[in-house]
Amino acid sequence: MGPRIAKQAEITTNISKAWVIEKLCKTMESAQADKQWSTVAKIIIDIPKVAGVHVEKQEVDWMMSWDGKIESLSDERLRQLTNISVMVATGGDPEKIAALKRRALGEPQVIDITPPKNHGDSG
């Protein structure tokens, strides 16, 4: 299917990668709330596929038997889970990844705070 036909099909059916990813994310949130960890793991695999971000199967196979407890992960598995999560959250976009890392590292940000008004109270 050529790009023009694919784009027309997308317009006609109103289905896009963003829509599919949005639905997968909502399903994943529901599965997390219900502690359906194998469903969550499968969706974590599906989102990058839809987004076009390739994830090697062996990189995520361990998730199928994971108990869902962060404490049970080795340092390497935690790194893998973090990397997969970043890719899912950003769609692999380098600018979004950099912004996410800046925010996670706590780089200074401007926060406007309006001080409370003193209504004549002296203390």
PDB file of N, CA and C in Angstrom:
ATOM      1  N   MET A   1       0.852  -1.164   0.000  1.00  0.00           N
ATOM      2  CA  MET A   1       0.000   0.000   0.000  1.00  0.00           C
ATOM      3  C   MET A   1       0.902   1.231   0.000  1.00  0.00           C
ATOM      4  N   GLY A   2       0.687   2.119  -0.940  1.00  0.00           N
ATOM      5  CA  GLY A   2       1.486   3.327  -1.046  1.00  0.00           C
ATOM      6  C   GLY A   2       1.140   4.325   0.038  1.00  0.00           C
ATOM      7  N   PRO A   3       2.035   5.329   0.258  1.00  0.00           N
ATOM      8  CA  PRO A   3       1.803   6.317   1.312  1.00  0.00           C
ATOM      9  C   PRO A   3       0.496   7.089   1.152  1.00  0.00           C
ATOM     10  N   ARG A   4       0.136   7.422  -0.090  1.00  0.00           N
ATOM     11  CA  ARG A   4      -1.106   8.176  -0.304  1.00  0.00           C
ATOM     12  C   ARG A   4      -2.322   7.333   0.057  1.00  0.00           C
ATOM     13  N   ILE A   5      -2.294   6.068  -0.339  1.00  0.00           N
ATOM     14  CA  ILE A   5      -3.415   5.179  -0.036  1.00  0.00           C
ATOM     15  C   ILE A   5      -3.501   4.941   1.471  1.00  0.00           C
ATOM     16  N   ALA A   6      -2.339   4.750   2.102  1.00  0.00           N
ATOM     17  CA  ALA A   6      -2.313   4.539   3.555  1.00  0.00           C
ATOM     18  C   ALA A   6      -2.864   5.759   4.281  1.00  0.00           C
ATOM     19  N   LYS A   7      -2.465   6.944   3.855  1.00  0.00           N
ATOM     20  CA  LYS A   7      -2.948   8.174   4.483  1.00  0.00           C
ATOM     21  C   LYS A   7      -4.454   8.303   4.273  1.00  0.00           C
ATOM     22  N   GLN A   8      -4.934   7.996   3.084  1.00  0.00           N
ATOM     23  CA  GLN A   8      -6.370   8.067   2.812  1.00  0.00           C
ATOM     24  C   GLN A   8      -7.121   7.060   3.682  1.00  0.00           C
ATOM     25  N   ALA A   9      -6.557   5.867   3.834  1.00  0.00           N
ATOM     26  CA  ALA A   9      -7.201   4.861   4.684  1.00  0.00           C
ATOM     27  C   ALA A   9      -7.259   5.355   6.124  1.00  0.00           C
ATOM     28  N   GLU A  10      -6.191   6.011   6.563  1.00  0.00           N
ATOM     29  CA  GLU A  10      -6.156   6.560   7.920  1.00  0.00           C
ATOM     30  C   GLU A  10      -7.233   7.619   8.092  1.00  0.00           C
ATOM     31  N   ILE A  11      -7.359   8.503   7.118  1.00  0.00           N
ATOM     32  CA  ILE A  11      -8.362   9.566   7.185  1.00  0.00           C
ATOM     33  C   ILE A  11      -9.765   8.958   7.145  1.00  0.00           C
ATOM     34  N   THR A  12      -9.962   8.001   6.251  1.00  0.00           N
ATOM     35  CA  THR A  12     -11.275   7.391   6.074  1.00  0.00           C
ATOM     36  C   THR A  12     -11.717   6.642   7.326  1.00  0.00           C
ATOM     37  N   THR A  13     -10.827   5.893   7.943  1.00  0.00           N
ATOM     38  CA  THR A  13     -11.204   5.080   9.101  1.00  0.00           C
ATOM     39  C   THR A  13     -10.988   5.802  10.413  1.00  0.00           C
ATOM     40  N   ASN A  14     -10.317   6.940  10.367  1.00  0.00           N
ATOM     41  CA  ASN A  14     -10.037   7.712  11.570  1.00  0.00           C
ATOM     42  C   ASN A  14      -9.162   6.947  12.560  1.00  0.00           C
ATOM     43  N   ILE A  15      -8.393   5.997  12.077  1.00  0.00           N
ATOM     44  CA  ILE A  15      -7.496   5.232  12.929  1.00  0.00           C
ATOM     45  C   ILE A  15      -6.071   5.624  12.565  1.00  0.00           C
ATOM     46  N   SER A  16      -5.310   5.980  13.570  1.00  0.00           N
ATOM     47  CA  SER A  16      -3.916   6.328  13.359  1.00  0.00           C
ATOM     48  C   SER A  16      -3.086   5.627  14.416  1.00  0.00           C
ATOM     49  N   LYS A  17      -1.772   5.698  14.283  1.00  0.00           N
ATOM     50  CA  LYS A  17      -0.888   5.126  15.295  1.00  0.00           C
ATOM     51  C   LYS A  17      -1.173   5.749  16.649  1.00  0.00           C
ATOM     52  N   ALA A  18      -1.353   7.061  16.658  1.00  0.00           N
ATOM     53  CA  ALA A  18      -1.613   7.762  17.922  1.00  0.00           C
ATOM     54  C   ALA A  18      -2.886   7.237  18.587  1.00  0.00           C
ATOM     55  N   TRP A  19      -3.914   7.007  17.789  1.00  0.00           N
ATOM     56  CA  TRP A  19      -5.170   6.496  18.330  1.00  0.00           C
ATOM     57  C   TRP A  19      -4.973   5.107  18.930  1.00  0.00           C
ATOM     58  N   VAL A  20      -4.287   4.234  18.191  1.00  0.00           N
ATOM     59  CA  VAL A  20      -4.043   2.862  18.658  1.00  0.00           C
ATOM     60  C   VAL A  20      -3.218   2.899  19.940  1.00  0.00           C
ATOM     61  N   ILE A  21      -2.173   3.722  19.961  1.00  0.00           N
ATOM     62  CA  ILE A  21      -1.326   3.817  21.149  1.00  0.00           C
ATOM     63  C   ILE A  21      -2.127   4.345  22.333  1.00  0.00           C
ATOM     64  N   GLU A  22      -2.977   5.328  22.086  1.00  0.00           N
ATOM     65  CA  GLU A  22      -3.820   5.867  23.158  1.00  0.00           C
ATOM     66  C   GLU A  22      -4.710   4.768  23.747  1.00  0.00           C
ATOM     67  N   LYS A  23      -5.318   3.966  22.880  1.00  0.00           N
ATOM     68  CA  LYS A  23      -6.191   2.879  23.352  1.00  0.00           C
ATOM     69  C   LYS A  23      -5.383   1.828  24.112  1.00  0.00           C
ATOM     70  N   LEU A  24      -4.186   1.505  23.621  1.00  0.00           N
ATOM     71  CA  LEU A  24      -3.338   0.547  24.317  1.00  0.00           C
ATOM     72  C   LEU A  24      -2.941   1.067  25.698  1.00  0.00           C
ATOM     73  N   CYS A  25      -2.623   2.353  25.781  1.00  0.00           N
ATOM     74  CA  CYS A  25      -2.241   2.951  27.066  1.00  0.00           C
ATOM     75  C   CYS A  25      -3.395   2.888  28.062  1.00  0.00           C
ATOM     76  N   LYS A  26      -4.608   3.183  27.600  1.00  0.00           N
ATOM     77  CA  LYS A  26      -5.772   3.108  28.487  1.00  0.00           C
ATOM     78  C   LYS A  26      -6.013   1.675  28.947  1.00  0.00           C
ATOM     79  N   THR A  27      -5.850   0.733  28.039  1.00  0.00           N
ATOM     80  CA  THR A  27      -6.015  -0.675  28.391  1.00  0.00           C
ATOM     81  C   THR A  27      -4.952  -1.085  29.394  1.00  0.00           C
ATOM     82  N   MET A  28      -3.720  -0.606  29.199  1.00  0.00           N
ATOM     83  CA  MET A  28      -2.635  -0.939  30.108  1.00  0.00           C
ATOM     84  C   MET A  28      -2.903  -0.379  31.506  1.00  0.00           C
ATOM     85  N   GLU A  29      -3.405   0.852  31.589  1.00  0.00           N
ATOM     86  CA  GLU A  29      -3.728   1.444  32.889  1.00  0.00           C
ATOM     87  C   GLU A  29      -4.773   0.603  33.615  1.00  0.00           C
ATOM     88  N   SER A  30      -5.780   0.162  32.881  1.00  0.00           N
ATOM     89  CA  SER A  30      -6.826  -0.666  33.461  1.00  0.00           C
ATOM     90  C   SER A  30      -6.252  -2.003  33.931  1.00  0.00           C
ATOM     91  N   ALA A  31      -5.397  -2.589  33.105  1.00  0.00           N
ATOM     92  CA  ALA A  31      -4.778  -3.867  33.464  1.00  0.00           C
ATOM     93  C   ALA A  31      -3.876  -3.716  34.689  1.00  0.00           C
ATOM     94  N   GLN A  32      -3.154  -2.595  34.783  1.00  0.00           N
ATOM     95  CA  GLN A  32      -2.323  -2.347  35.963  1.00  0.00           C
ATOM     96  C   GLN A  32      -3.191  -2.241  37.206  1.00  0.00           C
ATOM     97  N   ALA A  33      -4.302  -1.526  37.100  1.00  0.00           N
ATOM     98  CA  ALA A  33      -5.202  -1.363  38.247  1.00  0.00           C
ATOM     99  C   ALA A  33      -5.750  -2.714  38.708  1.00  0.00           C
ATOM    100  N   ASP A  34      -5.967  -3.620  37.750  1.00  0.00           N
ATOM    101  CA  ASP A  34      -6.481  -4.951  38.067  1.00  0.00           C
ATOM    102  C   ASP A  34      -5.363  -5.967  38.326  1.00  0.00           C
ATOM    103  N   LYS A  35      -4.125  -5.486  38.321  1.00  0.00           N
ATOM    104  CA  LYS A  35      -2.930  -6.320  38.549  1.00  0.00           C
ATOM    105  C   LYS A  35      -2.843  -7.487  37.564  1.00  0.00           C
ATOM    106  N   GLN A  36      -3.185  -7.203  36.316  1.00  0.00           N
ATOM    107  CA  GLN A  36      -3.078  -8.191  35.241  1.00  0.00           C
ATOM    108  C   GLN A  36      -1.717  -7.988  34.564  1.00  0.00           C
ATOM    109  N   TRP A  37      -0.678  -8.478  35.214  1.00  0.00           N
ATOM    110  CA  TRP A  37       0.696  -8.164  34.809  1.00  0.00           C
ATOM    111  C   TRP A  37       1.060  -8.740  33.450  1.00  0.00           C
ATOM    112  N   SER A  38       0.538  -9.899  33.090  1.00  0.00           N
ATOM    113  CA  SER A  38       0.894 -10.443  31.771  1.00  0.00           C
ATOM    114  C   SER A  38       0.278  -9.581  30.660  1.00  0.00           C
ATOM    115  N   THR A  39      -0.911  -9.038  30.895  1.00  0.00           N
ATOM    116  CA  THR A  39      -1.531  -8.134  29.919  1.00  0.00           C
ATOM    117  C   THR A  39      -0.702  -6.864  29.791  1.00  0.00           C
ATOM    118  N   VAL A  40      -0.266  -6.336  30.936  1.00  0.00           N
ATOM    119  CA  VAL A  40       0.573  -5.135  30.930  1.00  0.00           C
ATOM    120  C   VAL A  40       1.852  -5.402  30.134  1.00  0.00           C
ATOM    121  N   ALA A  41       2.479  -6.540  30.392  1.00  0.00           N
ATOM    122  CA  ALA A  41       3.721  -6.881  29.690  1.00  0.00           C
ATOM    123  C   ALA A  41       3.499  -6.990  28.188  1.00  0.00           C
ATOM    124  N   LYS A  42       2.389  -7.584  27.779  1.00  0.00           N
ATOM    125  CA  LYS A  42       2.096  -7.724  26.344  1.00  0.00           C
ATOM    126  C   LYS A  42       1.866  -6.360  25.703  1.00  0.00           C
ATOM    127  N   ILE A  43       1.176  -5.480  26.418  1.00  0.00           N
ATOM    128  CA  ILE A  43       0.926  -4.144  25.874  1.00  0.00           C
ATOM    129  C   ILE A  43       2.225  -3.364  25.774  1.00  0.00           C
ATOM    130  N   ILE A  44       3.115  -3.559  26.749  1.00  0.00           N
ATOM    131  CA  ILE A  44       4.418  -2.893  26.687  1.00  0.00           C
ATOM    132  C   ILE A  44       5.166  -3.320  25.426  1.00  0.00           C
ATOM    133  N   ILE A  45       4.944  -4.524  24.989  1.00  0.00           N
ATOM    134  CA  ILE A  45       5.559  -5.010  23.748  1.00  0.00           C
ATOM    135  C   ILE A  45       4.824  -4.432  22.533  1.00  0.00           C
ATOM    136  N   ASP A  46       3.493  -4.351  22.618  1.00  0.00           N
ATOM    137  CA  ASP A  46       2.690  -3.904  21.471  1.00  0.00           C
ATOM    138  C   ASP A  46       2.856  -2.419  21.156  1.00  0.00           C
ATOM    139  N   ILE A  47       2.961  -1.584  22.175  1.00  0.00           N
ATOM    140  CA  ILE A  47       3.046  -0.136  21.929  1.00  0.00           C
ATOM    141  C   ILE A  47       4.251   0.221  21.059  1.00  0.00           C
ATOM    142  N   PRO A  48       5.448  -0.258  21.368  1.00  0.00           N
ATOM    143  CA  PRO A  48       6.578   0.075  20.488  1.00  0.00           C
ATOM    144  C   PRO A  48       6.412  -0.485  19.073  1.00  0.00           C
ATOM    145  N   LYS A  49       5.747  -1.634  18.954  1.00  0.00           N
ATOM    146  CA  LYS A  49       5.497  -2.179  17.617  1.00  0.00           C
ATOM    147  C   LYS A  49       4.648  -1.206  16.811  1.00  0.00           C
ATOM    148  N   VAL A  50       3.583  -0.716  17.419  1.00  0.00           N
ATOM    149  CA  VAL A  50       2.695   0.226  16.742  1.00  0.00           C
ATOM    150  C   VAL A  50       3.437   1.522  16.436  1.00  0.00           C
ATOM    151  N   ALA A  51       4.265   1.969  17.396  1.00  0.00           N
ATOM    152  CA  ALA A  51       5.001   3.227  17.228  1.00  0.00           C
ATOM    153  C   ALA A  51       6.145   3.100  16.235  1.00  0.00           C
ATOM    154  N   GLY A  52       6.495   1.860  15.894  1.00  0.00           N
ATOM    155  CA  GLY A  52       7.600   1.658  14.966  1.00  0.00           C
ATOM    156  C   GLY A  52       8.946   1.592  15.663  1.00  0.00           C
ATOM    157  N   VAL A  53       8.928   1.396  16.964  1.00  0.00           N
ATOM    158  CA  VAL A  53      10.168   1.275  17.731  1.00  0.00           C
ATOM    159  C   VAL A  53      10.394  -0.210  17.966  1.00  0.00           C
ATOM    160  N   HIS A  54      11.472  -0.731  17.433  1.00  0.00           N
ATOM    161  CA  HIS A  54      11.737  -2.169  17.514  1.00  0.00           C
ATOM    162  C   HIS A  54      12.282  -2.547  18.880  1.00  0.00           C
ATOM    163  N   VAL A  55      11.709  -3.576  19.484  1.00  0.00           N
ATOM    164  CA  VAL A  55      12.202  -4.107  20.750  1.00  0.00           C
ATOM    165  C   VAL A  55      12.483  -5.584  20.530  1.00  0.00           C
ATOM    166  N   GLU A  56      13.690  -5.997  20.844  1.00  0.00           N
ATOM    167  CA  GLU A  56      14.046  -7.403  20.697  1.00  0.00           C
ATOM    168  C   GLU A  56      13.220  -8.253  21.657  1.00  0.00           C
ATOM    169  N   LYS A  57      12.725  -9.364  21.169  1.00  0.00           N
ATOM    170  CA  LYS A  57      11.873 -10.227  21.981  1.00  0.00           C
ATOM    171  C   LYS A  57      12.569 -10.670  23.264  1.00  0.00           C
ATOM    172  N   GLN A  58      13.835 -11.054  23.190  1.00  0.00           N
ATOM    173  CA  GLN A  58      14.528 -11.533  24.384  1.00  0.00           C
ATOM    174  C   GLN A  58      14.697 -10.433  25.432  1.00  0.00           C
ATOM    175  N   GLU A  59      14.596  -9.169  25.010  1.00  0.00           N
ATOM    176  CA  GLU A  59      14.710  -8.070  25.963  1.00  0.00           C
ATOM    177  C   GLU A  59      13.494  -7.982  26.872  1.00  0.00           C
ATOM    178  N   VAL A  60      12.368  -8.516  26.440  1.00  0.00           N
ATOM    179  CA  VAL A  60      11.147  -8.392  27.226  1.00  0.00           C
ATOM    180  C   VAL A  60      10.519  -9.728  27.619  1.00  0.00           C
ATOM    181  N   ASP A  61      11.085 -10.849  27.188  1.00  0.00           N
ATOM    182  CA  ASP A  61      10.537 -12.166  27.542  1.00  0.00           C
ATOM    183  C   ASP A  61      10.428 -12.354  29.053  1.00  0.00           C
ATOM    184  N   TRP A  62      11.416 -11.877  29.775  1.00  0.00           N
ATOM    185  CA  TRP A  62      11.424 -12.037  31.228  1.00  0.00           C
ATOM    186  C   TRP A  62      10.212 -11.389  31.878  1.00  0.00           C
ATOM    187  N   MET A  63       9.620 -10.403  31.219  1.00  0.00           N
ATOM    188  CA  MET A  63       8.481  -9.705  31.803  1.00  0.00           C
ATOM    189  C   MET A  63       7.253 -10.605  31.911  1.00  0.00           C
ATOM    190  N   MET A  64       7.177 -11.621  31.058  1.00  0.00           N
ATOM    191  CA  MET A  64       6.015 -12.500  31.066  1.00  0.00           C
ATOM    192  C   MET A  64       5.926 -13.297  32.359  1.00  0.00           C
ATOM    193  N   SER A  65       7.060 -13.538  33.018  1.00  0.00           N
ATOM    194  CA  SER A  65       7.030 -14.286  34.276  1.00  0.00           C
ATOM    195  C   SER A  65       7.330 -13.396  35.486  1.00  0.00           C
ATOM    196  N   TRP A  66       7.469 -12.100  35.262  1.00  0.00           N
ATOM    197  CA  TRP A  66       7.765 -11.167  36.357  1.00  0.00           C
ATOM    198  C   TRP A  66       6.546 -11.035  37.261  1.00  0.00           C
ATOM    199  N   ASP A  67       6.789 -10.961  38.564  1.00  0.00           N
ATOM    200  CA  ASP A  67       5.691 -10.873  39.541  1.00  0.00           C
ATOM    201  C   ASP A  67       5.137  -9.458  39.702  1.00  0.00           C
ATOM    202  N   GLY A  68       5.723  -8.479  39.007  1.00  0.00           N
ATOM    203  CA  GLY A  68       5.234  -7.109  39.065  1.00  0.00           C
ATOM    204  C   GLY A  68       5.793  -6.301  40.214  1.00  0.00           C
ATOM    205  N   LYS A  69       6.665  -6.890  41.016  1.00  0.00           N
ATOM    206  CA  LYS A  69       7.238  -6.181  42.161  1.00  0.00           C
ATOM    207  C   LYS A  69       8.611  -5.628  41.784  1.00  0.00           C
ATOM    208  N   ILE A  70       8.756  -4.312  41.888  1.00  0.00           N
ATOM    209  CA  ILE A  70      10.020  -3.658  41.533  1.00  0.00           C
ATOM    210  C   ILE A  70      11.174  -4.235  42.361  1.00  0.00           C
ATOM    211  N   GLU A  71      10.894  -4.545  43.630  1.00  0.00           N
ATOM    212  CA  GLU A  71      11.958  -5.055  44.508  1.00  0.00           C
ATOM    213  C   GLU A  71      12.568  -6.362  44.008  1.00  0.00           C
ATOM    214  N   SER A  72      11.816  -7.118  43.218  1.00  0.00           N
ATOM    215  CA  SER A  72      12.317  -8.409  42.756  1.00  0.00           C
ATOM    216  C   SER A  72      13.179  -8.307  41.500  1.00  0.00           C
ATOM    217  N   LEU A  73      13.293  -7.092  40.930  1.00  0.00           N
ATOM    218  CA  LEU A  73      14.083  -6.921  39.707  1.00  0.00           C
ATOM    219  C   LEU A  73      15.565  -6.763  40.015  1.00  0.00           C
ATOM    220  N   SER A  74      16.383  -7.364  39.174  1.00  0.00           N
ATOM    221  CA  SER A  74      17.826  -7.125  39.269  1.00  0.00           C
ATOM    222  C   SER A  74      18.094  -5.726  38.718  1.00  0.00           C
ATOM    223  N   ASP A  75      19.291  -5.214  38.964  1.00  0.00           N
ATOM    224  CA  ASP A  75      19.637  -3.887  38.434  1.00  0.00           C
ATOM    225  C   ASP A  75      19.505  -3.857  36.913  1.00  0.00           C
ATOM    226  N   GLU A  76      19.940  -4.930  36.258  1.00  0.00           N
ATOM    227  CA  GLU A  76      19.883  -4.993  34.798  1.00  0.00           C
ATOM    228  C   GLU A  76      18.434  -4.993  34.305  1.00  0.00           C
ATOM    229  N   ARG A  77      17.581  -5.779  34.951  1.00  0.00           N
ATOM    230  CA  ARG A  77      16.164  -5.827  34.564  1.00  0.00           C
ATOM    231  C   ARG A  77      15.497  -4.473  34.807  1.00  0.00           C
ATOM    232  N   LEU A  78      15.846  -3.811  35.905  1.00  0.00           N
ATOM    233  CA  LEU A  78      15.287  -2.489  36.186  1.00  0.00           C
ATOM    234  C   LEU A  78      15.706  -1.497  35.108  1.00  0.00           C
ATOM    235  N   ARG A  79      16.964  -1.585  34.667  1.00  0.00           N
ATOM    236  CA  ARG A  79      17.444  -0.733  33.566  1.00  0.00           C
ATOM    237  C   ARG A  79      16.643  -1.009  32.294  1.00  0.00           C
ATOM    238  N   GLN A  80      16.432  -2.282  31.998  1.00  0.00           N
ATOM    239  CA  GLN A  80      15.670  -2.651  30.806  1.00  0.00           C
ATOM    240  C   GLN A  80      14.240  -2.126  30.882  1.00  0.00           C
ATOM    241  N   LEU A  81      13.600  -2.294  32.044  1.00  0.00           N
ATOM    242  CA  LEU A  81      12.239  -1.817  32.212  1.00  0.00           C
ATOM    243  C   LEU A  81      12.179  -0.302  32.069  1.00  0.00           C
ATOM    244  N   THR A  82      13.159   0.383  32.629  1.00  0.00           N
ATOM    245  CA  THR A  82      13.220   1.839  32.517  1.00  0.00           C
ATOM    246  C   THR A  82      13.364   2.251  31.056  1.00  0.00           C
ATOM    247  N   ASN A  83      14.281   1.606  30.330  1.00  0.00           N
ATOM    248  CA  ASN A  83      14.492   1.938  28.917  1.00  0.00           C
ATOM    249  C   ASN A  83      13.245   1.688  28.079  1.00  0.00           C
ATOM    250  N   ILE A  84      12.586   0.572  28.322  1.00  0.00           N
ATOM    251  CA  ILE A  84      11.361   0.265  27.580  1.00  0.00           C
ATOM    252  C   ILE A  84      10.286   1.300  27.900  1.00  0.00           C
ATOM    253  N   SER A  85      10.162   1.643  29.178  1.00  0.00           N
ATOM    254  CA  SER A  85       9.153   2.622  29.587  1.00  0.00           C
ATOM    255  C   SER A  85       9.401   3.985  28.950  1.00  0.00           C
ATOM    256  N   VAL A  86      10.676   4.385  28.889  1.00  0.00           N
ATOM    257  CA  VAL A  86      11.026   5.661  28.268  1.00  0.00           C
ATOM    258  C   VAL A  86      10.671   5.636  26.789  1.00  0.00           C
ATOM    259  N   MET A  87      10.965   4.529  26.124  1.00  0.00           N
ATOM    260  CA  MET A  87      10.649   4.415  24.697  1.00  0.00           C
ATOM    261  C   MET A  87       9.138   4.465  24.465  1.00  0.00           C
ATOM    262  N   VAL A  88       8.391   3.807  25.337  1.00  0.00           N
ATOM    263  CA  VAL A  88       6.928   3.817  25.209  1.00  0.00           C
ATOM    264  C   VAL A  88       6.390   5.217  25.461  1.00  0.00           C
ATOM    265  N   ALA A  89       6.890   5.854  26.521  1.00  0.00           N
ATOM    266  CA  ALA A  89       6.386   7.180  26.899  1.00  0.00           C
ATOM    267  C   ALA A  89       6.703   8.251  25.862  1.00  0.00           C
ATOM    268  N   THR A  90       7.822   8.095  25.166  1.00  0.00           N
ATOM    269  CA  THR A  90       8.262   9.142  24.241  1.00  0.00           C
ATOM    270  C   THR A  90       8.103   8.760  22.778  1.00  0.00           C
ATOM    271  N   GLY A  91       7.741   7.524  22.510  1.00  0.00           N
ATOM    272  CA  GLY A  91       7.655   7.066  21.125  1.00  0.00           C
ATOM    273  C   GLY A  91       9.020   7.033  20.458  1.00  0.00           C
ATOM    274  N   GLY A  92      10.075   7.038  21.279  1.00  0.00           N
ATOM    275  CA  GLY A  92      11.436   7.005  20.743  1.00  0.00           C
ATOM    276  C   GLY A  92      11.944   8.352  20.257  1.00  0.00           C
ATOM    277  N   ASP A  93      11.177   9.411  20.464  1.00  0.00           N
ATOM    278  CA  ASP A  93      11.549  10.756  20.019  1.00  0.00           C
ATOM    279  C   ASP A  93      12.711  11.277  20.874  1.00  0.00           C
ATOM    280  N   PRO A  94      13.894  11.521  20.254  1.00  0.00           N
ATOM    281  CA  PRO A  94      15.067  11.958  21.019  1.00  0.00           C
ATOM    282  C   PRO A  94      14.845  13.239  21.815  1.00  0.00           C
ATOM    283  N   GLU A  95      14.075  14.174  21.270  1.00  0.00           N
ATOM    284  CA  GLU A  95      13.812  15.424  22.005  1.00  0.00           C
ATOM    285  C   GLU A  95      12.963  15.162  23.241  1.00  0.00           C
ATOM    286  N   LYS A  96      11.969  14.305  23.105  1.00  0.00           N
ATOM    287  CA  LYS A  96      11.118  13.974  24.247  1.00  0.00           C
ATOM    288  C   LYS A  96      11.907  13.202  25.305  1.00  0.00           C
ATOM    289  N   ILE A  97      12.807  12.322  24.848  1.00  0.00           N
ATOM    290  CA  ILE A  97      13.647  11.568  25.782  1.00  0.00           C
ATOM    291  C   ILE A  97      14.529  12.528  26.572  1.00  0.00           C
ATOM    292  N   ALA A  98      15.144  13.484  25.881  1.00  0.00           N
ATOM    293  CA  ALA A  98      16.019  14.460  26.549  1.00  0.00           C
ATOM    294  C   ALA A  98      15.221  15.293  27.556  1.00  0.00           C
ATOM    295  N   ALA A  99      14.017  15.719  27.183  1.00  0.00           N
ATOM    296  CA  ALA A  99      13.181  16.509  28.096  1.00  0.00           C
ATOM    297  C   ALA A  99      12.786  15.683  29.319  1.00  0.00           C
ATOM    298  N   LEU A 100      12.455  14.428  29.098  1.00  0.00           N
ATOM    299  CA  LEU A 100      12.085  13.540  30.201  1.00  0.00           C
ATOM    300  C   LEU A 100      13.257  13.342  31.155  1.00  0.00           C
ATOM    301  N   LYS A 101      14.453  13.158  30.599  1.00  0.00           N
ATOM    302  CA  LYS A 101      15.648  12.987  31.442  1.00  0.00           C
ATOM    303  C   LYS A 101      15.950  14.258  32.227  1.00  0.00           C
ATOM    304  N   ARG A 102      15.800  15.423  31.590  1.00  0.00           N
ATOM    305  CA  ARG A 102      16.035  16.683  32.306  1.00  0.00           C
ATOM    306  C   ARG A 102      15.082  16.807  33.485  1.00  0.00           C
ATOM    307  N   ARG A 103      13.818  16.472  33.232  1.00  0.00           N
ATOM    308  CA  ARG A 103      12.820  16.560  34.294  1.00  0.00           C
ATOM    309  C   ARG A 103      13.124  15.559  35.409  1.00  0.00           C
ATOM    310  N   ALA A 104      13.525  14.343  35.033  1.00  0.00           N
ATOM    311  CA  ALA A 104      13.824  13.307  36.024  1.00  0.00           C
ATOM    312  C   ALA A 104      15.051  13.660  36.858  1.00  0.00           C
ATOM    313  N   LEU A 105      16.003  14.346  36.247  1.00  0.00           N
ATOM    314  CA  LEU A 105      17.227  14.722  36.969  1.00  0.00           C
ATOM    315  C   LEU A 105      17.025  15.963  37.823  1.00  0.00           C
ATOM    316  N   GLY A 106      15.844  16.528  37.752  1.00  0.00           N
ATOM    317  CA  GLY A 106      15.538  17.664  38.604  1.00  0.00           C
ATOM    318  C   GLY A 106      16.229  18.944  38.213  1.00  0.00           C
ATOM    319  N   GLU A 107      16.452  19.121  36.918  1.00  0.00           N
ATOM    320  CA  GLU A 107      17.049  20.376  36.486  1.00  0.00           C
ATOM    321  C   GLU A 107      16.119  21.515  36.863  1.00  0.00           C
ATOM    322  N   PRO A 108      16.698  22.657  37.202  1.00  0.00           N
ATOM    323  CA  PRO A 108      15.877  23.781  37.677  1.00  0.00           C
ATOM    324  C   PRO A 108      14.762  24.139  36.697  1.00  0.00           C
ATOM    325  N   GLN A 109      13.606  24.394  37.266  1.00  0.00           N
ATOM    326  CA  GLN A 109      12.454  24.813  36.491  1.00  0.00           C
ATOM    327  C   GLN A 109      11.841  26.016  37.187  1.00  0.00           C
ATOM    328  N   VAL A 110      11.209  26.855  36.419  1.00  0.00           N
ATOM    329  CA  VAL A 110      10.552  28.028  36.982  1.00  0.00           C
ATOM    330  C   VAL A 110       9.156  27.625  37.429  1.00  0.00           C
ATOM    331  N   ILE A 111       8.855  27.924  38.683  1.00  0.00           N
ATOM    332  CA  ILE A 111       7.528  27.649  39.218  1.00  0.00           C
ATOM    333  C   ILE A 111       7.002  28.944  39.808  1.00  0.00           C
ATOM    334  N   ASP A 112       5.881  29.422  39.296  1.00  0.00           N
ATOM    335  CA  ASP A 112       5.270  30.639  39.816  1.00  0.00           C
ATOM    336  C   ASP A 112       4.415  30.308  41.025  1.00  0.00           C
ATOM    337  N   ILE A 113       4.711  30.979  42.124  1.00  0.00           N
ATOM    338  CA  ILE A 113       3.930  30.788  43.345  1.00  0.00           C
ATOM    339  C   ILE A 113       3.451  32.156  43.797  1.00  0.00           C
ATOM    340  N   THR A 114       2.171  32.271  43.991  1.00  0.00           N
ATOM    341  CA  THR A 114       1.614  33.523  44.490  1.00  0.00           C
ATOM    342  C   THR A 114       1.590  33.448  46.009  1.00  0.00           C
ATOM    343  N   PRO A 115       2.311  34.366  46.677  1.00  0.00           N
ATOM    344  CA  PRO A 115       2.329  34.315  48.144  1.00  0.00           C
ATOM    345  C   PRO A 115       0.949  34.638  48.700  1.00  0.00           C
ATOM    346  N   PRO A 116       0.618  34.023  49.828  1.00  0.00           N
ATOM    347  CA  PRO A 116      -0.692  34.308  50.423  1.00  0.00           C
ATOM    348  C   PRO A 116      -0.762  35.766  50.857  1.00  0.00           C
ATOM    349  N   LYS A 117      -1.939  36.334  50.768  1.00  0.00           N
ATOM    350  CA  LYS A 117      -2.123  37.732  51.162  1.00  0.00           C
ATOM    351  C   LYS A 117      -2.209  37.821  52.679  1.00  0.00           C
ATOM    352  N   ASN A 118      -1.547  38.815  53.199  1.00  0.00           N
ATOM    353  CA  ASN A 118      -1.572  39.072  54.627  1.00  0.00           C
ATOM    354  C   ASN A 118      -2.776  39.955  54.898  1.00  0.00           C
ATOM    355  N   HIS A 119      -3.738  39.453  55.608  1.00  0.00           N
ATOM    356  CA  HIS A 119      -4.975  40.192  55.884  1.00  0.00           C
ATOM    357  C   HIS A 119      -4.897  40.964  57.187  1.00  0.00           C
ATOM    358  N   GLY A 120      -3.764  41.584  57.416  1.00  0.00           N
ATOM    359  CA  GLY A 120      -3.617  42.399  58.611  1.00  0.00           C
ATOM    360  C   GLY A 120      -3.251  41.584  59.837  1.00  0.00           C
ATOM    361  N   ASP A 121      -3.064  40.257  59.654  1.00  0.00           N
ATOM    362  CA  ASP A 121      -2.672  39.429  60.796  1.00  0.00           C
ATOM    363  C   ASP A 121      -1.209  39.665  61.078  1.00  0.00           C
ATOM    364  N   SER A 122      -0.870  39.826  62.324  1.00  0.00           N
ATOM    365  CA  SER A 122       0.527  40.058  62.658  1.00  0.00           C
ATOM    366  C   SER A 122       1.208  38.796  63.118  1.00  0.00           C
ATOM    367  N   GLY A 123       0.539  37.709  63.093  1.00  0.00           N
ATOM    368  CA  GLY A 123       1.262  36.540  63.390  1.00  0.00           C
ATOM    369  C   GLY A 123       0.560  35.525  64.090  1.00  0.00           C
TER     370      GLY A 123
END
